[in-house]
C-alpha atoms as a PDB file:
ATOM      1  CA  UNK A   1       0.728  -8.930   3.111  1.00  0.00           C
ATOM      2  CA  UNK A   2      -2.509  -8.502   1.287  1.00  0.00           C
ATOM      3  CA  UNK A   3      -5.715 -10.041   2.472  1.00  0.00           C
ATOM      4  CA  UNK A   4      -5.243 -12.218  -0.626  1.00  0.00           C
ATOM      5  CA  UNK A   5      -1.864 -13.429   0.499  1.00  0.00           C
ATOM      6  CA  UNK A   6       0.811 -11.176  -1.031  1.00  0.00           C
ATOM      7  CA  UNK A   7       3.681 -10.301   1.275  1.00  0.00           C
ATOM      8  CA  UNK A   8       5.763  -7.146   1.718  1.00  0.00           C
ATOM      9  CA  UNK A   9       9.242  -7.142   0.312  1.00  0.00           C
ATOM     10  CA  UNK A  10      12.155  -6.690   2.684  1.00  0.00           C
ATOM     11  CA  UNK A  11      13.926  -3.514   3.673  1.00  0.00           C
ATOM     12  CA  UNK A  12      13.196  -0.357   1.757  1.00  0.00           C
ATOM     13  CA  UNK A  13      15.606   1.102  -0.750  1.00  0.00           C
ATOM     14  CA  UNK A  14      17.126   4.545  -0.590  1.00  0.00           C
ATOM     15  CA  UNK A  15      17.801   6.556  -3.727  1.00  0.00           C
ATOM     16  CA  UNK A  16      19.642   9.772  -2.999  1.00  0.00           C
ATOM     17  CA  UNK A  17      17.657  11.294  -0.162  1.00  0.00           C
ATOM     18  CA  UNK A  18      14.468   9.503  -1.154  1.00  0.00           C
ATOM     19  CA  UNK A  19      13.421   6.454   0.844  1.00  0.00           C
ATOM     20  CA  UNK A  20      11.286   3.865  -0.938  1.00  0.00           C
ATOM     21  CA  UNK A  21       9.500   0.691   0.143  1.00  0.00           C
ATOM     22  CA  UNK A  22       8.550  -2.058  -2.283  1.00  0.00           C
ATOM     23  CA  UNK A  23       5.291  -3.925  -1.735  1.00  0.00           C
ATOM     24  CA  UNK A  24       4.463  -7.102  -3.641  1.00  0.00           C
ATOM     25  CA  UNK A  25       0.966  -7.315  -5.134  1.00  0.00           C
ATOM     26  CA  UNK A  26      -0.797  -9.862  -7.318  1.00  0.00           C
ATOM     27  CA  UNK A  27       0.048  -7.733 -10.367  1.00  0.00           C
ATOM     28  CA  UNK A  28       3.651  -6.778  -9.641  1.00  0.00           C
ATOM     29  CA  UNK A  29       5.373  -4.470  -7.207  1.00  0.00           C
ATOM     30  CA  UNK A  30       4.163  -1.088  -6.073  1.00  0.00           C
ATOM     31  CA  UNK A  31       7.085   1.109  -5.033  1.00  0.00           C
ATOM     32  CA  UNK A  32       6.212   3.851  -2.551  1.00  0.00           C
ATOM     33  CA  UNK A  33       8.615   6.779  -2.287  1.00  0.00           C
ATOM     34  CA  UNK A  34       8.365   8.979   0.807  1.00  0.00           C
ATOM     35  CA  UNK A  35       9.049  12.555  -0.220  1.00  0.00           C
ATOM     36  CA  UNK A  36       7.914  14.280   2.985  1.00  0.00           C
ATOM     37  CA  UNK A  37       4.890  15.706   4.816  1.00  0.00           C
ATOM     38  CA  UNK A  38       1.840  14.472   2.826  1.00  0.00           C
ATOM     39  CA  UNK A  39       3.762  14.030  -0.427  1.00  0.00           C
ATOM     40  CA  UNK A  40       4.290  10.590  -1.933  1.00  0.00           C
ATOM     41  CA  UNK A  41       5.211   9.019  -5.239  1.00  0.00           C
ATOM     42  CA  UNK A  42       4.190   5.508  -6.255  1.00  0.00           C
ATOM     43  CA  UNK A  43       5.107   3.420  -9.275  1.00  0.00           C
ATOM     44  CA  UNK A  44       3.098   0.413 -10.405  1.00  0.00           C
ATOM     45  CA  UNK A  45       2.801  -1.397 -13.709  1.00  0.00           C
ATOM     46  CA  UNK A  46       4.870   1.227 -15.502  1.00  0.00           C
ATOM     47  CA  UNK A  47       2.684   4.054 -14.175  1.00  0.00           C
ATOM     48  CA  UNK A  48       3.846   6.934 -11.976  1.00  0.00           C
ATOM     49  CA  UNK A  49       1.392   8.203  -9.370  1.00  0.00           C
ATOM     50  CA  UNK A  50       2.109  11.406  -7.447  1.00  0.00           C
ATOM     51  CA  UNK A  51       0.153  12.170  -4.280  1.00  0.00           C
ATOM     52  CA  UNK A  52      -0.252  15.768  -3.045  1.00  0.00           C
ATOM     53  CA  UNK A  53       2.888  16.968  -4.859  1.00  0.00           C
ATOM     54  CA  UNK A  54       4.357  20.069  -3.210  1.00  0.00           C
ATOM     55  CA  UNK A  55       7.521  21.849  -4.351  1.00  0.00           C
ATOM     56  CA  UNK A  56       8.868  22.154  -0.801  1.00  0.00           C
ATOM     57  CA  UNK A  57       9.194  18.360  -0.620  1.00  0.00           C
ATOM     58  CA  UNK A  58      10.908  17.549  -3.938  1.00  0.00           C
ATOM     59  CA  UNK A  59      12.517  19.045  -7.031  1.00  0.00           C
ATOM     60  CA  UNK A  60       9.801  18.177  -9.507  1.00  0.00           C
ATOM     61  CA  UNK A  61      11.895  19.282 -12.448  1.00  0.00           C
ATOM     62  CA  UNK A  62      13.970  16.153 -11.697  1.00  0.00           C
ATOM     63  CA  UNK A  63      11.068  13.795 -10.983  1.00  0.00           C
ATOM     64  CA  UNK A  64       9.316  11.508 -13.471  1.00  0.00           C
ATOM     65  CA  UNK A  65       6.174  12.918 -15.058  1.00  0.00           C
ATOM     66  CA  UNK A  66       2.895  11.728 -13.617  1.00  0.00           C
ATOM     67  CA  UNK A  67       0.459   9.356 -15.245  1.00  0.00           C
ATOM     68  CA  UNK A  68      -1.859  10.099 -12.317  1.00  0.00           C
ATOM     69  CA  UNK A  69      -1.867  12.867  -9.704  1.00  0.00           C
ATOM     70  CA  UNK A  70      -4.020  12.458  -6.595  1.00  0.00           C
ATOM     71  CA  UNK A  71      -4.788  15.625  -4.636  1.00  0.00           C
ATOM     72  CA  UNK A  72      -6.736  15.343  -1.389  1.00  0.00           C
ATOM     73  CA  UNK A  73      -7.808  18.970  -0.972  1.00  0.00           C
ATOM     74  CA  UNK A  74      -6.902  22.563  -1.725  1.00  0.00           C
ATOM     75  CA  UNK A  75      -4.679  23.568   1.214  1.00  0.00           C
ATOM     76  CA  UNK A  76      -1.271  24.889   0.155  1.00  0.00           C
ATOM     77  CA  UNK A  77       0.652  21.941   1.610  1.00  0.00           C
ATOM     78  CA  UNK A  78      -1.366  19.547  -0.576  1.00  0.00           C
ATOM     79  CA  UNK A  79      -2.171  21.510  -3.748  1.00  0.00           C
ATOM     80  CA  UNK A  80       0.802  23.220  -5.398  1.00  0.00           C
ATOM     81  CA  UNK A  81       0.042  24.410  -8.921  1.00  0.00           C
ATOM     82  CA  UNK A  82       3.731  24.759  -9.792  1.00  0.00           C
ATOM     83  CA  UNK A  83       4.428  21.130  -8.865  1.00  0.00           C
ATOM     84  CA  UNK A  84       1.341  19.943 -10.740  1.00  0.00           C
ATOM     85  CA  UNK A  85       2.471  21.875 -13.814  1.00  0.00           C
ATOM     86  CA  UNK A  86       5.952  20.356 -13.732  1.00  0.00           C
ATOM     87  CA  UNK A  87       4.569  16.821 -13.472  1.00  0.00           C
ATOM     88  CA  UNK A  88       1.834  17.112 -16.080  1.00  0.00           C
ATOM     89  CA  UNK A  89       2.161  15.645 -19.563  1.00  0.00           C
ATOM     90  CA  UNK A  90      -0.529  15.408 -22.229  1.00  0.00           C
ATOM     91  CA  UNK A  91      -1.898  12.119 -20.890  1.00  0.00           C
ATOM     92  CA  UNK A  92      -1.719  12.945 -17.159  1.00  0.00           C
ATOM     93  CA  UNK A  93      -4.934  12.394 -15.192  1.00  0.00           C
ATOM     94  CA  UNK A  94      -5.572  14.519 -12.091  1.00  0.00           C
ATOM     95  CA  UNK A  95      -8.000  13.349  -9.411  1.00  0.00           C
ATOM     96  CA  UNK A  96      -9.125  15.791  -6.748  1.00  0.00           C
ATOM     97  CA  UNK A  97     -12.093  17.283  -4.956  1.00  0.00           C
ATOM     98  CA  UNK A  98     -14.204  20.196  -6.179  1.00  0.00           C
ATOM     99  CA  UNK A  99     -11.796  22.855  -4.867  1.00  0.00           C
ATOM    100  CA  UNK A 100      -8.916  21.198  -6.737  1.00  0.00           C
ATOM    101  CA  UNK A 101     -11.040  21.024  -9.895  1.00  0.00           C
ATOM    102  CA  UNK A 102     -11.688  24.766  -9.636  1.00  0.00           C
ATOM    103  CA  UNK A 103      -7.922  25.394  -9.902  1.00  0.00           C
ATOM    104  CA  UNK A 104      -6.586  22.561 -12.078  1.00  0.00           C
ATOM    105  CA  UNK A 105      -8.207  22.304 -15.491  1.00  0.00           C
ATOM    106  CA  UNK A 106      -9.382  18.844 -16.438  1.00  0.00           C
ATOM    107  CA  UNK A 107      -9.423  17.462 -12.901  1.00  0.00           C
ATOM    108  CA  UNK A 108     -11.585  14.406 -12.356  1.00  0.00           C
ATOM    109  CA  UNK A 109     -13.564  15.696  -9.383  1.00  0.00           C
ATOM    110  CA  UNK A 110     -14.579  12.992  -6.931  1.00  0.00           C
ATOM    111  CA  UNK A 111     -17.062  13.437  -4.120  1.00  0.00           C
ATOM    112  CA  UNK A 112     -16.856  11.670  -0.761  1.00  0.00           C
ATOM    113  CA  UNK A 113     -17.929   8.049  -1.185  1.00  0.00           C
ATOM    114  CA  UNK A 114     -17.539   7.982  -4.956  1.00  0.00           C
ATOM    115  CA  UNK A 115     -15.595   5.236  -6.748  1.00  0.00           C
ATOM    116  CA  UNK A 116     -14.060   5.548 -10.206  1.00  0.00           C
ATOM    117  CA  UNK A 117     -11.567   3.670 -12.322  1.00  0.00           C
ATOM    118  CA  UNK A 118      -8.894   6.057 -13.566  1.00  0.00           C
ATOM    119  CA  UNK A 119      -6.042   4.931 -15.809  1.00  0.00           C
ATOM    120  CA  UNK A 120      -6.873   1.329 -14.928  1.00  0.00           C
ATOM    121  CA  UNK A 121      -6.800   1.859 -11.156  1.00  0.00           C
ATOM    122  CA  UNK A 122      -9.879   1.632  -8.936  1.00  0.00           C
ATOM    123  CA  UNK A 123     -10.019   4.713  -6.705  1.00  0.00           C
ATOM    124  CA  UNK A 124     -12.463   5.383  -3.882  1.00  0.00           C
ATOM    125  CA  UNK A 125     -12.855   8.822  -2.294  1.00  0.00           C
ATOM    126  CA  UNK A 126     -13.156   8.550   1.499  1.00  0.00           C
ATOM    127  CA  UNK A 127     -14.449  11.495   3.561  1.00  0.00           C
ATOM    128  CA  UNK A 128     -11.652  13.459   5.259  1.00  0.00           C
ATOM    129  CA  UNK A 129     -12.671  15.938   7.944  1.00  0.00           C
ATOM    130  CA  UNK A 130     -12.306  17.145  11.518  1.00  0.00           C
ATOM    131  CA  UNK A 131     -14.709  16.370  14.329  1.00  0.00           C
ATOM    132  CA  UNK A 132     -12.918  17.839  17.369  1.00  0.00           C
ATOM    133  CA  UNK A 133     -10.126  20.056  16.061  1.00  0.00           C
ATOM    134  CA  UNK A 134     -11.305  23.543  15.100  1.00  0.00           C
ATOM    135  CA  UNK A 135      -9.676  26.873  14.259  1.00  0.00           C
ATOM    136  CA  UNK A 136     -12.449  28.573  16.219  1.00  0.00           C
ATOM    137  CA  UNK A 137     -15.797  27.347  17.546  1.00  0.00           C
ATOM    138  CA  UNK A 138     -17.877  25.952  14.706  1.00  0.00           C
ATOM    139  CA  UNK A 139     -15.015  26.115  12.193  1.00  0.00           C
ATOM    140  CA  UNK A 140     -13.197  22.795  11.837  1.00  0.00           C
ATOM    141  CA  UNK A 141      -9.794  22.954  10.146  1.00  0.00           C
ATOM    142  CA  UNK A 142     -11.193  20.571   7.531  1.00  0.00           C
ATOM    143  CA  UNK A 143     -14.998  20.728   7.198  1.00  0.00           C
ATOM    144  CA  UNK A 144     -16.999  17.631   6.461  1.00  0.00           C
ATOM    145  CA  UNK A 145     -17.812  17.042   2.796  1.00  0.00           C
ATOM    146  CA  UNK A 146     -14.820  18.919   1.350  1.00  0.00           C
ATOM    147  CA  UNK A 147     -11.609  16.892   1.457  1.00  0.00           C
ATOM    148  CA  UNK A 148     -10.953  13.386   0.196  1.00  0.00           C
ATOM    149  CA  UNK A 149      -8.850  10.516   1.308  1.00  0.00           C
ATOM    150  CA  UNK A 150      -8.284   7.875  -1.371  1.00  0.00           C
ATOM    151  CA  UNK A 151      -8.224   4.101  -1.475  1.00  0.00           C
ATOM    152  CA  UNK A 152      -6.232   2.993  -4.514  1.00  0.00           C
ATOM    153  CA  UNK A 153      -6.244  -0.660  -5.551  1.00  0.00           C
ATOM    154  CA  UNK A 154      -2.982  -2.089  -6.906  1.00  0.00           C
ATOM    155  CA  UNK A 155      -3.678  -5.666  -7.974  1.00  0.00           C
ATOM    156  CA  UNK A 156      -5.055  -7.252  -4.783  1.00  0.00           C
ATOM    157  CA  UNK A 157      -3.529  -4.605  -2.508  1.00  0.00           C
ATOM    158  CA  UNK A 158      -5.626  -1.748  -1.129  1.00  0.00           C
ATOM    159  CA  UNK A 159      -3.726   1.408  -0.191  1.00  0.00           C
ATOM    160  CA  UNK A 160      -5.516   4.084   1.856  1.00  0.00           C
ATOM    161  CA  UNK A 161      -4.123   7.629   1.790  1.00  0.00           C
ATOM    162  CA  UNK A 162      -6.231   9.428   4.354  1.00  0.00           C
ATOM    163  CA  UNK A 163      -5.565  13.110   3.604  1.00  0.00           C
ATOM    164  CA  UNK A 164      -6.241  15.600   6.399  1.00  0.00           C
ATOM    165  CA  UNK A 165      -8.747  13.967   8.696  1.00  0.00           C
ATOM    166  CA  UNK A 166      -9.544  12.640  12.132  1.00  0.00           C
ATOM    167  CA  UNK A 167     -10.632   9.121  13.096  1.00  0.00           C
ATOM    168  CA  UNK A 168     -14.048   9.465  11.528  1.00  0.00           C
ATOM    169  CA  UNK A 169     -16.837   6.869  11.542  1.00  0.00           C
ATOM    170  CA  UNK A 170     -16.280   6.379   7.803  1.00  0.00           C
ATOM    171  CA  UNK A 171     -12.599   5.568   8.393  1.00  0.00           C
ATOM    172  CA  UNK A 172     -13.468   3.063  11.094  1.00  0.00           C
ATOM    173  CA  UNK A 173     -15.808   1.255   8.706  1.00  0.00           C
ATOM    174  CA  UNK A 174     -13.107   0.574   6.115  1.00  0.00           C
ATOM    175  CA  UNK A 175     -12.389  -3.063   5.266  1.00  0.00           C
ATOM    176  CA  UNK A 176      -9.429  -5.005   3.866  1.00  0.00           C
ATOM    177  CA  UNK A 177      -6.916  -2.146   3.962  1.00  0.00           C
ATOM    178  CA  UNK A 178      -3.416  -3.461   3.363  1.00  0.00           C
ATOM    179  CA  UNK A 179      -1.510  -0.193   3.669  1.00  0.00           C
ATOM    180  CA  UNK A 180      -2.706   2.973   5.401  1.00  0.00           C
ATOM    181  CA  UNK A 181      -1.227   6.459   5.528  1.00  0.00           C
ATOM    182  CA  UNK A 182      -2.769   8.292   8.496  1.00  0.00           C
ATOM    183  CA  UNK A 183      -1.986  11.952   9.332  1.00  0.00           C
ATOM    184  CA  UNK A 184      -0.780  12.860  12.791  1.00  0.00           C
ATOM    185  CA  UNK A 185       0.067  16.554  12.878  1.00  0.00           C
ATOM    186  CA  UNK A 186      -1.514  18.713  15.537  1.00  0.00           C
ATOM    187  CA  UNK A 187      -3.759  20.564  15.863  1.00  0.00           C
ATOM    188  CA  UNK A 188      -4.936  19.983  12.292  1.00  0.00           C
ATOM    189  CA  UNK A 189      -5.458  16.218  12.136  1.00  0.00           C
ATOM    190  CA  UNK A 190      -5.041  13.356  14.627  1.00  0.00           C
ATOM    191  CA  UNK A 191      -3.315  12.698  17.908  1.00  0.00           C
ATOM    192  CA  UNK A 192      -1.385   9.413  18.190  1.00  0.00           C
ATOM    193  CA  UNK A 193      -4.298   8.161  20.288  1.00  0.00           C
ATOM    194  CA  UNK A 194      -6.753   8.932  17.480  1.00  0.00           C
ATOM    195  CA  UNK A 195      -4.571   7.156  14.926  1.00  0.00           C
ATOM    196  CA  UNK A 196      -4.267   4.125  17.198  1.00  0.00           C
ATOM    197  CA  UNK A 197      -8.019   4.110  17.794  1.00  0.00           C
ATOM    198  CA  UNK A 198      -8.710   4.071  14.061  1.00  0.00           C
ATOM    199  CA  UNK A 199      -6.036   1.493  13.307  1.00  0.00           C
ATOM    200  CA  UNK A 200      -7.342  -0.892  15.977  1.00  0.00           C
ATOM    201  CA  UNK A 201     -10.764  -0.652  14.328  1.00  0.00           C
ATOM    202  CA  UNK A 202     -10.022  -1.127  10.623  1.00  0.00           C
ATOM    203  CA  UNK A 203      -6.748  -3.079  11.084  1.00  0.00           C
ATOM    204  CA  UNK A 204      -4.429  -2.071   8.234  1.00  0.00           C
ATOM    205  CA  UNK A 205      -1.651  -4.585   7.762  1.00  0.00           C
ATOM    206  CA  UNK A 206       0.974  -1.845   7.356  1.00  0.00           C
ATOM    207  CA  UNK A 207       0.490   1.577   8.930  1.00  0.00           C
ATOM    208  CA  UNK A 208       2.546   4.599   7.957  1.00  0.00           C
ATOM    209  CA  UNK A 209       1.931   7.717  10.031  1.00  0.00           C
ATOM    210  CA  UNK A 210       2.511  10.658   7.717  1.00  0.00           C
ATOM    211  CA  UNK A 211       2.120  14.428   7.687  1.00  0.00           C
ATOM    212  CA  UNK A 212       3.115  14.297  11.353  1.00  0.00           C
ATOM    213  CA  UNK A 213       4.966  17.571  11.923  1.00  0.00           C
ATOM    214  CA  UNK A 214       6.408  17.648  15.443  1.00  0.00           C
ATOM    215  CA  UNK A 215       4.193  14.859  16.780  1.00  0.00           C
ATOM    216  CA  UNK A 216       6.177  12.117  18.556  1.00  0.00           C
ATOM    217  CA  UNK A 217       5.758   9.013  16.384  1.00  0.00           C
ATOM    218  CA  UNK A 218       7.076   6.766  19.160  1.00  0.00           C
ATOM    219  CA  UNK A 219       3.792   7.313  21.002  1.00  0.00           C
ATOM    220  CA  UNK A 220       1.940   5.600  18.174  1.00  0.00           C
ATOM    221  CA  UNK A 221       4.395   2.698  18.151  1.00  0.00           C
ATOM    222  CA  UNK A 222       3.828   2.235  21.886  1.00  0.00           C
ATOM    223  CA  UNK A 223       0.049   2.433  21.580  1.00  0.00           C
ATOM    224  CA  UNK A 224       0.010  -0.287  18.908  1.00  0.00           C
ATOM    225  CA  UNK A 225       2.764  -2.529  20.264  1.00  0.00           C
ATOM    226  CA  UNK A 226       0.308  -5.290  21.200  1.00  0.00           C
ATOM    227  CA  UNK A 227      -1.495  -5.237  17.824  1.00  0.00           C
ATOM    228  CA  UNK A 228       0.369  -8.078  16.174  1.00  0.00           C
ATOM    229  CA  UNK A 229      -1.556  -7.749  12.922  1.00  0.00           C
ATOM    230  CA  UNK A 230      -0.461  -4.126  12.340  1.00  0.00           C
ATOM    231  CA  UNK A 231       3.094  -3.313  11.317  1.00  0.00           C
ATOM    232  CA  UNK A 232       3.858   0.339  12.101  1.00  0.00           C
ATOM    233  CA  UNK A 233       6.489   1.760   9.759  1.00  0.00           C
ATOM    234  CA  UNK A 234       7.987   5.145  10.605  1.00  0.00           C
ATOM    235  CA  UNK A 235       9.407   7.114   7.686  1.00  0.00           C
ATOM    236  CA  UNK A 236      10.566  10.733   7.490  1.00  0.00           C
ATOM    237  CA  UNK A 237       7.199  12.322   6.705  1.00  0.00           C
ATOM    238  CA  UNK A 238       7.228  15.528   8.729  1.00  0.00           C
END
């Protein structure tokens, strides 16, 4: 599966209403749990990583505490202070952008293009922004230089969680991405055509559309049907 030779495990597991996929890496399995919308949970090497935890997607009083919380930007469907509070223990690290850091004390604020190692994991902040989609002329839904996507390295496996973005030049320049989460809800992020355009350029081995709202995911599957090197996996991530 990885560019270094690891392969994905078989069918995903389902615990209660939570669907999980297990991916083999050079340093053990990473288990990805699909909570909904842009909200994910990952476990790796005994660590629990929550991504954009939002109370509408899970009962965080019943979820395992976070060793690491990744927050892409400050919009309400990505930054939920109640969920962050429920997941935080003394040792929890929070990674976010400047607007997250202004609301969550102790956040490790990462700028676009920055790389840090946090709790033993290499994390790169990738620019996340709109080019075409605007709320009004001159006002993109997600301005350049604000939001982050994140590449997180688990062993030899590189996982890209794009945040709210379009198919930017920076995304198209990514290399050796094993797993990609690309947003597809309109009008705020990408059309299926934009996702396919990006995927055909940086060639993730596994592609999960996420944060897709009412967008028809079958369009993406059709657009990428001839890309034998990309496995499109559809999970319930409205």
